[in-house]
Amino acid sequence: MKLEDQLLKRGENKCELCQSAINLKLYEVGPQDRFDEKNSVMLCSKCVAQIDKKEDLDASHWKFLTTTMWSEVPGIQVLTWRMLNRFRNESWAMESLDMMYLDDDTLAWAKATGDHDNDGSADLHKDCNGNVLQTGDTIVLTKSLDVKGTTLNAKMGTVVKNIRLVEDNTEQIEGKIEGQVIVILTKYVRKQGS
């Protein structure tokens, strides 16, 4: 039986965290050398987006953590511990963390990403007005920009279509101006239509 089928059976065709039956996918809880049914879970797209910090945290969505903390599946335990730590400023999460037990190996695995040391804020690309940018969006330059290494000057008001997000830097996007792909700082752009 495929891993995905095992997880669907274990979770009764629902997200193993929030119990949603919509947009399920296999999620590998890292870091691990190889993945199996103990360190993989079936999750909905909303849980994945917030776990991976691609969407702002919605505290009302995560109240189920007080139940999933009792799971016997190590991968679910690790995700629950990590998410409870993101909400550690909320009394319900802190109480749950105080009650939650993880063996030494599982706790070390949960801490391996260092996520518990962060504030849990999402890593999102935002324009100068705070609007979330997505790959494929159209933006407008809010400042004239000289492009380093060229004679190109991108004028304020220039429309750039079909942008691409720079994966490891939320302050940068890529766009094509006058046939050249350039890196643009998000603080100098406004999402069109916003």
N, C-alpha and C. Protein backbone atom coordinates (compact mmCIF):
# COMPACT_ATOMS: atom_id res chain seq x y z
N MET A 1 0.84 -1.18 0.00
CA MET A 1 0.00 0.00 0.00
C MET A 1 0.89 1.25 0.00
N LYS A 2 0.57 2.20 -0.88
CA LYS A 2 1.31 3.45 -0.96
C LYS A 2 1.17 4.24 0.34
N LEU A 3 2.20 5.03 0.65
CA LEU A 3 2.20 5.85 1.85
C LEU A 3 0.97 6.76 1.91
N GLU A 4 0.66 7.40 0.79
CA GLU A 4 -0.49 8.30 0.75
C GLU A 4 -1.78 7.56 1.10
N ASP A 5 -1.94 6.35 0.58
CA ASP A 5 -3.13 5.55 0.88
C ASP A 5 -3.18 5.16 2.35
N GLN A 6 -2.02 4.84 2.93
CA GLN A 6 -1.96 4.50 4.36
C GLN A 6 -2.41 5.69 5.21
N LEU A 7 -1.94 6.88 4.85
CA LEU A 7 -2.27 8.07 5.63
C LEU A 7 -3.74 8.45 5.47
N LEU A 8 -4.29 8.29 4.27
CA LEU A 8 -5.71 8.55 4.06
C LEU A 8 -6.56 7.60 4.90
N LYS A 9 -6.14 6.36 4.95
CA LYS A 9 -6.88 5.37 5.75
C LYS A 9 -6.77 5.72 7.24
N ARG A 10 -5.56 6.04 7.70
CA ARG A 10 -5.35 6.39 9.11
C ARG A 10 -6.18 7.61 9.50
N GLY A 11 -6.23 8.60 8.63
CA GLY A 11 -6.95 9.84 8.92
C GLY A 11 -8.40 9.84 8.47
N GLU A 12 -8.88 8.70 8.01
CA GLU A 12 -10.27 8.56 7.54
C GLU A 12 -10.62 9.58 6.46
N ASN A 13 -9.69 9.76 5.51
CA ASN A 13 -9.85 10.67 4.38
C ASN A 13 -10.08 12.12 4.79
N LYS A 14 -9.45 12.51 5.91
CA LYS A 14 -9.55 13.89 6.41
C LYS A 14 -8.16 14.38 6.79
N CYS A 15 -8.04 15.70 6.90
CA CYS A 15 -6.81 16.30 7.39
C CYS A 15 -6.56 15.75 8.79
N GLU A 16 -5.35 15.28 9.04
CA GLU A 16 -5.06 14.66 10.32
C GLU A 16 -4.91 15.68 11.45
N LEU A 17 -5.00 16.95 11.11
CA LEU A 17 -4.99 17.98 12.15
C LEU A 17 -6.39 18.56 12.34
N CYS A 18 -6.92 19.24 11.33
CA CYS A 18 -8.19 19.97 11.50
C CYS A 18 -9.43 19.19 11.09
N GLN A 19 -9.26 18.02 10.50
CA GLN A 19 -10.36 17.15 10.08
C GLN A 19 -11.10 17.62 8.82
N SER A 20 -10.54 18.58 8.10
CA SER A 20 -11.14 19.01 6.84
C SER A 20 -10.96 17.90 5.80
N ALA A 21 -11.92 17.76 4.91
CA ALA A 21 -11.83 16.74 3.86
C ALA A 21 -11.50 17.36 2.50
N ILE A 22 -11.15 18.65 2.51
CA ILE A 22 -10.94 19.39 1.25
C ILE A 22 -9.44 19.59 0.99
N ASN A 23 -9.02 19.39 -0.28
CA ASN A 23 -7.65 19.64 -0.74
C ASN A 23 -6.58 18.99 0.14
N LEU A 24 -6.66 17.68 0.28
CA LEU A 24 -5.69 16.95 1.10
C LEU A 24 -4.44 16.63 0.31
N LYS A 25 -3.30 16.67 1.01
CA LYS A 25 -2.06 16.27 0.38
C LYS A 25 -1.09 15.72 1.42
N LEU A 26 -0.19 14.90 0.95
CA LEU A 26 0.83 14.30 1.80
C LEU A 26 1.80 15.38 2.26
N TYR A 27 2.07 15.43 3.56
CA TYR A 27 3.00 16.42 4.11
C TYR A 27 4.08 15.68 4.88
N GLU A 28 5.32 15.90 4.51
CA GLU A 28 6.45 15.24 5.16
C GLU A 28 6.99 16.18 6.23
N VAL A 29 6.99 15.71 7.48
CA VAL A 29 7.42 16.53 8.61
C VAL A 29 8.93 16.40 8.75
N GLY A 30 9.64 17.43 8.35
CA GLY A 30 11.10 17.38 8.36
C GLY A 30 11.67 17.90 9.66
N PRO A 31 12.95 17.90 9.80
CA PRO A 31 13.90 17.25 8.90
C PRO A 31 14.01 15.74 9.18
N GLN A 32 14.08 14.95 8.13
CA GLN A 32 14.20 13.49 8.22
C GLN A 32 15.03 13.00 7.03
N ASP A 33 15.67 11.85 7.22
CA ASP A 33 16.43 11.23 6.13
C ASP A 33 15.51 10.54 5.13
N ARG A 34 14.51 9.87 5.66
CA ARG A 34 13.52 9.21 4.80
C ARG A 34 12.16 9.36 5.45
N PHE A 35 11.12 9.29 4.64
CA PHE A 35 9.78 9.52 5.15
C PHE A 35 8.96 8.25 5.14
N ASP A 36 8.19 8.07 6.21
CA ASP A 36 7.31 6.93 6.34
C ASP A 36 6.04 7.36 7.05
N GLU A 37 5.19 6.39 7.47
CA GLU A 37 3.91 6.74 8.08
C GLU A 37 4.04 7.40 9.46
N LYS A 38 5.21 7.31 10.08
CA LYS A 38 5.40 7.92 11.39
C LYS A 38 5.74 9.41 11.30
N ASN A 39 6.41 9.80 10.21
CA ASN A 39 6.82 11.21 10.10
C ASN A 39 6.18 11.92 8.90
N SER A 40 5.11 11.36 8.40
CA SER A 40 4.34 11.99 7.33
C SER A 40 2.88 12.04 7.76
N VAL A 41 2.18 13.08 7.32
CA VAL A 41 0.77 13.23 7.67
C VAL A 41 0.00 13.71 6.45
N MET A 42 -1.29 13.52 6.47
CA MET A 42 -2.16 14.02 5.41
C MET A 42 -2.79 15.31 5.93
N LEU A 43 -2.57 16.42 5.18
CA LEU A 43 -3.04 17.73 5.63
C LEU A 43 -3.84 18.43 4.54
N CYS A 44 -4.70 19.35 4.98
CA CYS A 44 -5.44 20.19 4.04
C CYS A 44 -4.55 21.37 3.64
N SER A 45 -4.94 22.05 2.58
CA SER A 45 -4.13 23.16 2.06
C SER A 45 -4.03 24.33 3.05
N LYS A 46 -5.07 24.58 3.84
CA LYS A 46 -5.04 25.68 4.81
C LYS A 46 -4.01 25.40 5.90
N CYS A 47 -3.98 24.17 6.42
CA CYS A 47 -2.99 23.81 7.45
C CYS A 47 -1.58 23.92 6.87
N VAL A 48 -1.37 23.41 5.66
CA VAL A 48 -0.04 23.45 5.04
C VAL A 48 0.42 24.89 4.84
N ALA A 49 -0.45 25.75 4.33
CA ALA A 49 -0.07 27.14 4.07
C ALA A 49 0.35 27.85 5.35
N GLN A 50 -0.35 27.58 6.44
CA GLN A 50 0.00 28.26 7.69
C GLN A 50 1.21 27.62 8.37
N ILE A 51 1.36 26.32 8.25
CA ILE A 51 2.55 25.65 8.80
C ILE A 51 3.79 26.14 8.07
N ASP A 52 3.70 26.26 6.75
CA ASP A 52 4.84 26.69 5.94
C ASP A 52 5.00 28.20 5.88
N LYS A 53 4.20 28.93 6.65
CA LYS A 53 4.27 30.39 6.76
C LYS A 53 4.03 31.09 5.42
N LYS A 54 3.12 30.55 4.65
CA LYS A 54 2.74 31.17 3.38
C LYS A 54 1.42 31.92 3.52
N GLU A 55 0.86 31.89 4.71
CA GLU A 55 -0.41 32.54 5.01
C GLU A 55 -0.35 32.96 6.47
N ASP A 56 -0.96 34.09 6.80
CA ASP A 56 -0.99 34.53 8.19
C ASP A 56 -1.72 33.51 9.06
N LEU A 57 -1.26 33.37 10.31
CA LEU A 57 -1.89 32.44 11.24
C LEU A 57 -3.30 32.88 11.60
N ASP A 58 -4.19 31.92 11.64
CA ASP A 58 -5.58 32.14 12.03
C ASP A 58 -5.81 31.35 13.31
N ALA A 59 -5.74 32.02 14.46
CA ALA A 59 -5.83 31.33 15.76
C ALA A 59 -7.10 30.52 15.89
N SER A 60 -8.21 31.00 15.34
CA SER A 60 -9.47 30.25 15.49
C SER A 60 -9.41 28.91 14.74
N HIS A 61 -8.61 28.84 13.69
CA HIS A 61 -8.47 27.59 12.94
C HIS A 61 -7.71 26.54 13.75
N TRP A 62 -6.79 26.96 14.61
CA TRP A 62 -5.87 26.04 15.27
C TRP A 62 -6.31 25.58 16.66
N LYS A 63 -7.52 25.87 17.07
CA LYS A 63 -8.00 25.45 18.41
C LYS A 63 -8.00 23.93 18.56
N PHE A 64 -8.03 23.20 17.46
CA PHE A 64 -8.02 21.73 17.51
C PHE A 64 -6.72 21.17 18.07
N LEU A 65 -5.69 22.00 18.18
CA LEU A 65 -4.40 21.53 18.69
C LEU A 65 -4.52 20.95 20.10
N THR A 66 -5.51 21.42 20.86
CA THR A 66 -5.72 20.88 22.21
C THR A 66 -6.17 19.43 22.17
N THR A 67 -6.64 18.97 21.01
CA THR A 67 -7.02 17.57 20.83
C THR A 67 -5.89 16.78 20.16
N THR A 68 -5.28 17.34 19.11
CA THR A 68 -4.25 16.61 18.38
C THR A 68 -2.99 16.39 19.22
N MET A 69 -2.82 17.15 20.28
CA MET A 69 -1.65 16.98 21.13
C MET A 69 -1.59 15.60 21.78
N TRP A 70 -2.72 14.89 21.79
CA TRP A 70 -2.77 13.55 22.40
C TRP A 70 -2.55 12.44 21.36
N SER A 71 -2.31 12.80 20.12
CA SER A 71 -2.08 11.80 19.07
C SER A 71 -0.86 10.94 19.41
N GLU A 72 -0.90 9.70 18.96
CA GLU A 72 0.24 8.79 19.15
C GLU A 72 1.17 8.79 17.93
N VAL A 73 0.81 9.51 16.89
CA VAL A 73 1.62 9.59 15.66
C VAL A 73 2.70 10.65 15.87
N PRO A 74 3.97 10.26 15.81
CA PRO A 74 5.05 11.23 16.05
C PRO A 74 5.00 12.47 15.16
N GLY A 75 4.69 12.32 13.88
CA GLY A 75 4.62 13.47 12.98
C GLY A 75 3.55 14.47 13.40
N ILE A 76 2.41 13.97 13.85
CA ILE A 76 1.33 14.84 14.33
C ILE A 76 1.74 15.51 15.63
N GLN A 77 2.42 14.78 16.50
CA GLN A 77 2.91 15.35 17.76
C GLN A 77 3.86 16.52 17.49
N VAL A 78 4.79 16.31 16.56
CA VAL A 78 5.78 17.34 16.24
C VAL A 78 5.11 18.59 15.67
N LEU A 79 4.21 18.41 14.69
CA LEU A 79 3.51 19.56 14.12
C LEU A 79 2.68 20.29 15.18
N THR A 80 2.01 19.53 16.03
CA THR A 80 1.20 20.13 17.09
C THR A 80 2.08 20.95 18.02
N TRP A 81 3.21 20.41 18.45
CA TRP A 81 4.13 21.11 19.35
C TRP A 81 4.64 22.40 18.70
N ARG A 82 5.03 22.29 17.41
CA ARG A 82 5.54 23.47 16.71
C ARG A 82 4.47 24.56 16.59
N MET A 83 3.25 24.16 16.25
CA MET A 83 2.18 25.15 16.09
C MET A 83 1.76 25.74 17.44
N LEU A 84 1.72 24.94 18.48
CA LEU A 84 1.41 25.47 19.81
C LEU A 84 2.45 26.51 20.22
N ASN A 85 3.69 26.28 19.85
CA ASN A 85 4.74 27.25 20.17
C ASN A 85 4.55 28.56 19.41
N ARG A 86 4.01 28.50 18.21
CA ARG A 86 3.73 29.75 17.48
C ARG A 86 2.66 30.57 18.18
N PHE A 87 1.76 29.88 18.90
CA PHE A 87 0.68 30.56 19.61
C PHE A 87 0.97 30.67 21.11
N ARG A 88 2.22 30.54 21.51
CA ARG A 88 2.56 30.48 22.94
C ARG A 88 2.15 31.72 23.73
N ASN A 89 1.84 32.81 23.05
CA ASN A 89 1.36 34.01 23.75
C ASN A 89 -0.12 33.92 24.10
N GLU A 90 -0.80 32.90 23.59
CA GLU A 90 -2.21 32.69 23.90
C GLU A 90 -2.31 31.69 25.06
N SER A 91 -3.19 31.96 26.00
CA SER A 91 -3.27 31.12 27.21
C SER A 91 -3.62 29.67 26.89
N TRP A 92 -4.52 29.43 25.93
CA TRP A 92 -4.91 28.05 25.61
C TRP A 92 -3.73 27.25 25.08
N ALA A 93 -2.86 27.90 24.30
CA ALA A 93 -1.70 27.21 23.73
C ALA A 93 -0.66 26.93 24.81
N MET A 94 -0.43 27.90 25.68
CA MET A 94 0.55 27.71 26.75
C MET A 94 0.12 26.60 27.70
N GLU A 95 -1.16 26.55 28.03
CA GLU A 95 -1.68 25.48 28.89
C GLU A 95 -1.48 24.12 28.23
N SER A 96 -1.74 24.05 26.93
CA SER A 96 -1.57 22.79 26.20
C SER A 96 -0.11 22.37 26.15
N LEU A 97 0.78 23.33 25.93
CA LEU A 97 2.22 23.02 25.92
C LEU A 97 2.68 22.49 27.27
N ASP A 98 2.14 23.06 28.35
CA ASP A 98 2.49 22.60 29.70
C ASP A 98 2.05 21.16 29.94
N MET A 99 0.93 20.76 29.32
CA MET A 99 0.41 19.40 29.51
C MET A 99 1.00 18.38 28.53
N MET A 100 1.48 18.87 27.40
CA MET A 100 1.93 17.97 26.33
C MET A 100 3.23 17.27 26.70
N TYR A 101 3.29 15.96 26.39
CA TYR A 101 4.49 15.18 26.65
C TYR A 101 5.04 14.65 25.33
N LEU A 102 6.34 14.87 25.09
CA LEU A 102 7.05 14.28 23.96
C LEU A 102 8.28 13.58 24.51
N ASP A 103 8.56 12.37 24.01
CA ASP A 103 9.80 11.71 24.45
C ASP A 103 10.99 12.52 23.93
N ASP A 104 12.18 12.24 24.45
CA ASP A 104 13.37 13.05 24.13
C ASP A 104 13.67 13.13 22.64
N ASP A 105 13.56 11.99 21.93
CA ASP A 105 13.85 11.99 20.49
C ASP A 105 12.84 12.83 19.71
N THR A 106 11.57 12.70 20.05
CA THR A 106 10.52 13.45 19.36
C THR A 106 10.66 14.95 19.65
N LEU A 107 10.99 15.30 20.89
CA LEU A 107 11.18 16.71 21.24
C LEU A 107 12.38 17.30 20.49
N ALA A 108 13.45 16.53 20.38
CA ALA A 108 14.62 17.00 19.63
C ALA A 108 14.26 17.22 18.16
N TRP A 109 13.45 16.32 17.60
CA TRP A 109 12.98 16.45 16.22
C TRP A 109 12.11 17.71 16.08
N ALA A 110 11.21 17.92 17.04
CA ALA A 110 10.32 19.09 16.99
C ALA A 110 11.12 20.39 17.04
N LYS A 111 12.21 20.40 17.81
CA LYS A 111 13.03 21.61 17.95
C LYS A 111 14.03 21.79 16.81
N ALA A 112 14.22 20.78 15.98
CA ALA A 112 15.27 20.78 14.96
C ALA A 112 15.16 21.94 13.96
N THR A 113 13.96 22.42 13.69
CA THR A 113 13.81 23.51 12.72
C THR A 113 14.04 24.88 13.35
N GLY A 114 14.04 24.94 14.67
CA GLY A 114 14.20 26.22 15.36
C GLY A 114 12.96 27.08 15.30
N ASP A 115 11.88 26.53 14.77
CA ASP A 115 10.64 27.27 14.60
C ASP A 115 10.08 27.78 15.93
N HIS A 116 10.32 27.05 17.00
CA HIS A 116 9.79 27.43 18.31
C HIS A 116 10.44 28.71 18.86
N ASP A 117 11.57 29.11 18.28
CA ASP A 117 12.25 30.34 18.71
C ASP A 117 11.73 31.57 17.98
N ASN A 118 10.93 31.37 16.94
CA ASN A 118 10.42 32.49 16.14
C ASN A 118 9.05 32.92 16.63
N ASP A 119 8.60 34.06 16.11
CA ASP A 119 7.30 34.58 16.53
C ASP A 119 6.13 33.98 15.75
N GLY A 120 6.41 33.16 14.75
CA GLY A 120 5.34 32.51 14.00
C GLY A 120 4.73 33.36 12.91
N SER A 121 5.28 34.54 12.67
CA SER A 121 4.72 35.37 11.62
C SER A 121 5.02 34.76 10.25
N ALA A 122 4.12 34.99 9.35
CA ALA A 122 4.24 34.41 8.01
C ALA A 122 5.32 35.14 7.21
N ASP A 123 5.97 34.39 6.34
CA ASP A 123 6.98 34.95 5.44
C ASP A 123 6.30 35.29 4.12
N LEU A 124 5.70 36.47 4.04
CA LEU A 124 4.93 36.85 2.88
C LEU A 124 5.56 38.04 2.16
N HIS A 125 5.45 38.04 0.85
CA HIS A 125 5.87 39.18 0.05
C HIS A 125 4.72 40.17 0.07
N LYS A 126 4.99 41.42 0.49
CA LYS A 126 3.95 42.44 0.56
C LYS A 126 4.41 43.70 -0.14
N ASP A 127 3.43 44.38 -0.78
CA ASP A 127 3.76 45.63 -1.46
C ASP A 127 3.86 46.78 -0.45
N CYS A 128 4.06 48.00 -0.95
CA CYS A 128 4.25 49.16 -0.07
C CYS A 128 3.03 49.45 0.80
N ASN A 129 1.87 48.95 0.42
CA ASN A 129 0.64 49.16 1.19
C ASN A 129 0.28 47.97 2.07
N GLY A 130 1.13 46.96 2.08
CA GLY A 130 0.87 45.78 2.91
C GLY A 130 0.02 44.71 2.24
N ASN A 131 -0.27 44.86 0.95
CA ASN A 131 -1.04 43.84 0.23
C ASN A 131 -0.13 42.66 -0.11
N VAL A 132 -0.63 41.44 0.06
CA VAL A 132 0.15 40.24 -0.22
C VAL A 132 0.32 40.08 -1.73
N LEU A 133 1.56 39.85 -2.15
CA LEU A 133 1.88 39.63 -3.56
C LEU A 133 1.98 38.14 -3.84
N GLN A 134 1.55 37.73 -5.02
CA GLN A 134 1.63 36.34 -5.46
C GLN A 134 2.33 36.29 -6.82
N THR A 135 2.94 35.16 -7.12
CA THR A 135 3.53 34.97 -8.44
C THR A 135 2.43 35.14 -9.48
N GLY A 136 2.73 35.90 -10.53
CA GLY A 136 1.76 36.14 -11.59
C GLY A 136 1.00 37.45 -11.45
N ASP A 137 1.14 38.12 -10.30
CA ASP A 137 0.45 39.40 -10.09
C ASP A 137 1.02 40.47 -11.02
N THR A 138 0.25 41.55 -11.17
CA THR A 138 0.68 42.74 -11.89
C THR A 138 0.89 43.84 -10.86
N ILE A 139 2.04 44.52 -10.97
CA ILE A 139 2.37 45.58 -10.01
C ILE A 139 2.67 46.88 -10.74
N VAL A 140 2.67 47.98 -9.99
CA VAL A 140 3.01 49.30 -10.52
C VAL A 140 4.15 49.84 -9.66
N LEU A 141 5.18 50.38 -10.31
CA LEU A 141 6.30 50.96 -9.58
C LEU A 141 5.86 52.27 -8.92
N THR A 142 6.20 52.45 -7.66
CA THR A 142 5.83 53.67 -6.93
C THR A 142 6.99 54.66 -6.86
N LYS A 143 8.12 54.29 -7.48
CA LYS A 143 9.31 55.14 -7.48
C LYS A 143 10.10 54.82 -8.75
N SER A 144 10.73 55.81 -9.33
CA SER A 144 11.62 55.57 -10.47
C SER A 144 12.87 54.86 -9.97
N LEU A 145 13.27 53.82 -10.68
CA LEU A 145 14.40 52.99 -10.23
C LEU A 145 15.47 52.89 -11.31
N ASP A 146 16.72 53.13 -10.93
CA ASP A 146 17.86 52.87 -11.81
C ASP A 146 18.23 51.41 -11.64
N VAL A 147 18.37 50.69 -12.75
CA VAL A 147 18.72 49.28 -12.68
C VAL A 147 20.23 49.14 -12.74
N LYS A 148 20.80 48.57 -11.69
CA LYS A 148 22.26 48.43 -11.59
C LYS A 148 22.81 47.63 -12.76
N GLY A 149 23.95 48.08 -13.26
CA GLY A 149 24.63 47.38 -14.35
C GLY A 149 24.06 47.65 -15.72
N THR A 150 23.06 48.53 -15.82
CA THR A 150 22.47 48.85 -17.13
C THR A 150 22.19 50.35 -17.19
N THR A 151 21.77 50.79 -18.35
CA THR A 151 21.37 52.18 -18.51
C THR A 151 19.85 52.32 -18.34
N LEU A 152 19.20 51.24 -18.03
CA LEU A 152 17.74 51.21 -17.88
C LEU A 152 17.30 51.99 -16.65
N ASN A 153 16.31 52.85 -16.85
CA ASN A 153 15.68 53.56 -15.74
C ASN A 153 14.20 53.21 -15.80
N ALA A 154 13.74 52.49 -14.78
CA ALA A 154 12.33 52.11 -14.72
C ALA A 154 11.57 53.27 -14.06
N LYS A 155 10.71 53.90 -14.81
CA LYS A 155 10.01 55.10 -14.35
C LYS A 155 8.86 54.75 -13.39
N MET A 156 8.60 55.69 -12.47
CA MET A 156 7.47 55.55 -11.57
C MET A 156 6.20 55.41 -12.41
N GLY A 157 5.31 54.49 -12.03
CA GLY A 157 4.09 54.26 -12.78
C GLY A 157 4.19 53.14 -13.79
N THR A 158 5.42 52.61 -13.99
CA THR A 158 5.60 51.50 -14.93
C THR A 158 4.83 50.27 -14.42
N VAL A 159 4.09 49.65 -15.31
CA VAL A 159 3.33 48.45 -14.97
C VAL A 159 4.19 47.23 -15.30
N VAL A 160 4.31 46.33 -14.34
CA VAL A 160 5.07 45.10 -14.55
C VAL A 160 4.11 43.92 -14.36
N LYS A 161 3.94 43.15 -15.42
CA LYS A 161 3.00 42.02 -15.39
C LYS A 161 3.73 40.72 -15.07
N ASN A 162 2.98 39.80 -14.53
CA ASN A 162 3.45 38.42 -14.31
C ASN A 162 4.75 38.37 -13.50
N ILE A 163 4.72 38.96 -12.30
CA ILE A 163 5.91 38.97 -11.45
C ILE A 163 6.20 37.57 -10.91
N ARG A 164 7.40 37.39 -10.42
CA ARG A 164 7.80 36.14 -9.77
C ARG A 164 8.39 36.51 -8.41
N LEU A 165 7.98 35.77 -7.37
CA LEU A 165 8.50 36.01 -6.03
C LEU A 165 9.89 35.44 -5.88
N VAL A 166 10.79 36.17 -5.24
CA VAL A 166 12.11 35.66 -4.92
C VAL A 166 11.92 34.78 -3.67
N GLU A 167 12.19 33.51 -3.82
CA GLU A 167 11.84 32.50 -2.81
C GLU A 167 12.40 32.78 -1.42
N ASP A 168 13.66 33.12 -1.31
CA ASP A 168 14.29 33.23 0.01
C ASP A 168 14.41 34.67 0.52
N ASN A 169 13.74 35.62 -0.14
CA ASN A 169 13.80 37.01 0.31
C ASN A 169 12.45 37.67 0.07
N THR A 170 11.70 37.92 1.14
CA THR A 170 10.35 38.48 1.00
C THR A 170 10.36 39.95 0.61
N GLU A 171 11.53 40.57 0.55
CA GLU A 171 11.61 41.98 0.16
C GLU A 171 11.91 42.15 -1.32
N GLN A 172 11.99 41.03 -2.07
CA GLN A 172 12.34 41.11 -3.48
C GLN A 172 11.38 40.30 -4.35
N ILE A 173 11.11 40.86 -5.54
CA ILE A 173 10.37 40.15 -6.58
C ILE A 173 11.16 40.31 -7.87
N GLU A 174 10.81 39.51 -8.87
CA GLU A 174 11.42 39.65 -10.19
C GLU A 174 10.34 40.01 -11.19
N GLY A 175 10.69 40.90 -12.12
CA GLY A 175 9.76 41.29 -13.17
C GLY A 175 10.50 41.70 -14.41
N LYS A 176 9.80 41.72 -15.51
CA LYS A 176 10.43 42.05 -16.80
C LYS A 176 10.04 43.47 -17.19
N ILE A 177 11.07 44.30 -17.38
CA ILE A 177 10.87 45.68 -17.83
C ILE A 177 11.74 45.88 -19.07
N GLU A 178 11.12 46.34 -20.15
CA GLU A 178 11.82 46.55 -21.42
C GLU A 178 12.64 45.32 -21.83
N GLY A 179 12.04 44.15 -21.67
CA GLY A 179 12.68 42.90 -22.09
C GLY A 179 13.72 42.35 -21.15
N GLN A 180 14.01 43.05 -20.05
CA GLN A 180 15.01 42.58 -19.09
C GLN A 180 14.34 42.14 -17.80
N VAL A 181 14.74 40.98 -17.29
CA VAL A 181 14.26 40.53 -16.00
C VAL A 181 15.12 41.18 -14.93
N ILE A 182 14.47 41.91 -14.02
CA ILE A 182 15.21 42.60 -12.97
C ILE A 182 14.62 42.25 -11.60
N VAL A 183 15.42 42.46 -10.58
CA VAL A 183 14.96 42.29 -9.20
C VAL A 183 14.45 43.64 -8.73
N ILE A 184 13.26 43.64 -8.14
CA ILE A 184 12.62 44.87 -7.67
C ILE A 184 12.31 44.71 -6.19
N LEU A 185 12.58 45.74 -5.42
CA LEU A 185 12.26 45.71 -3.99
C LEU A 185 10.75 45.93 -3.81
N THR A 186 10.14 45.10 -2.95
CA THR A 186 8.69 45.18 -2.76
C THR A 186 8.24 46.51 -2.17
N LYS A 187 9.12 47.21 -1.47
CA LYS A 187 8.72 48.49 -0.88
C LYS A 187 8.52 49.58 -1.93
N TYR A 188 8.91 49.30 -3.19
CA TYR A 188 8.74 50.27 -4.28
C TYR A 188 7.67 49.86 -5.26
N VAL A 189 6.78 48.94 -4.87
CA VAL A 189 5.73 48.50 -5.78
C VAL A 189 4.36 48.55 -5.09
N ARG A 190 3.35 48.66 -5.93
CA ARG A 190 1.96 48.61 -5.46
C ARG A 190 1.25 47.58 -6.33
N LYS A 191 0.54 46.68 -5.70
CA LYS A 191 -0.20 45.67 -6.45
C LYS A 191 -1.30 46.38 -7.23
N GLN A 192 -1.40 46.07 -8.53
CA GLN A 192 -2.39 46.73 -9.36
C GLN A 192 -3.80 46.31 -8.91
N GLY A 193 -4.66 47.28 -8.83
CA GLY A 193 -6.03 47.01 -8.39
C GLY A 193 -6.18 47.14 -6.88
N SER A 194 -5.11 47.53 -6.18
CA SER A 194 -5.20 47.67 -4.72
C SER A 194 -5.10 49.12 -4.31
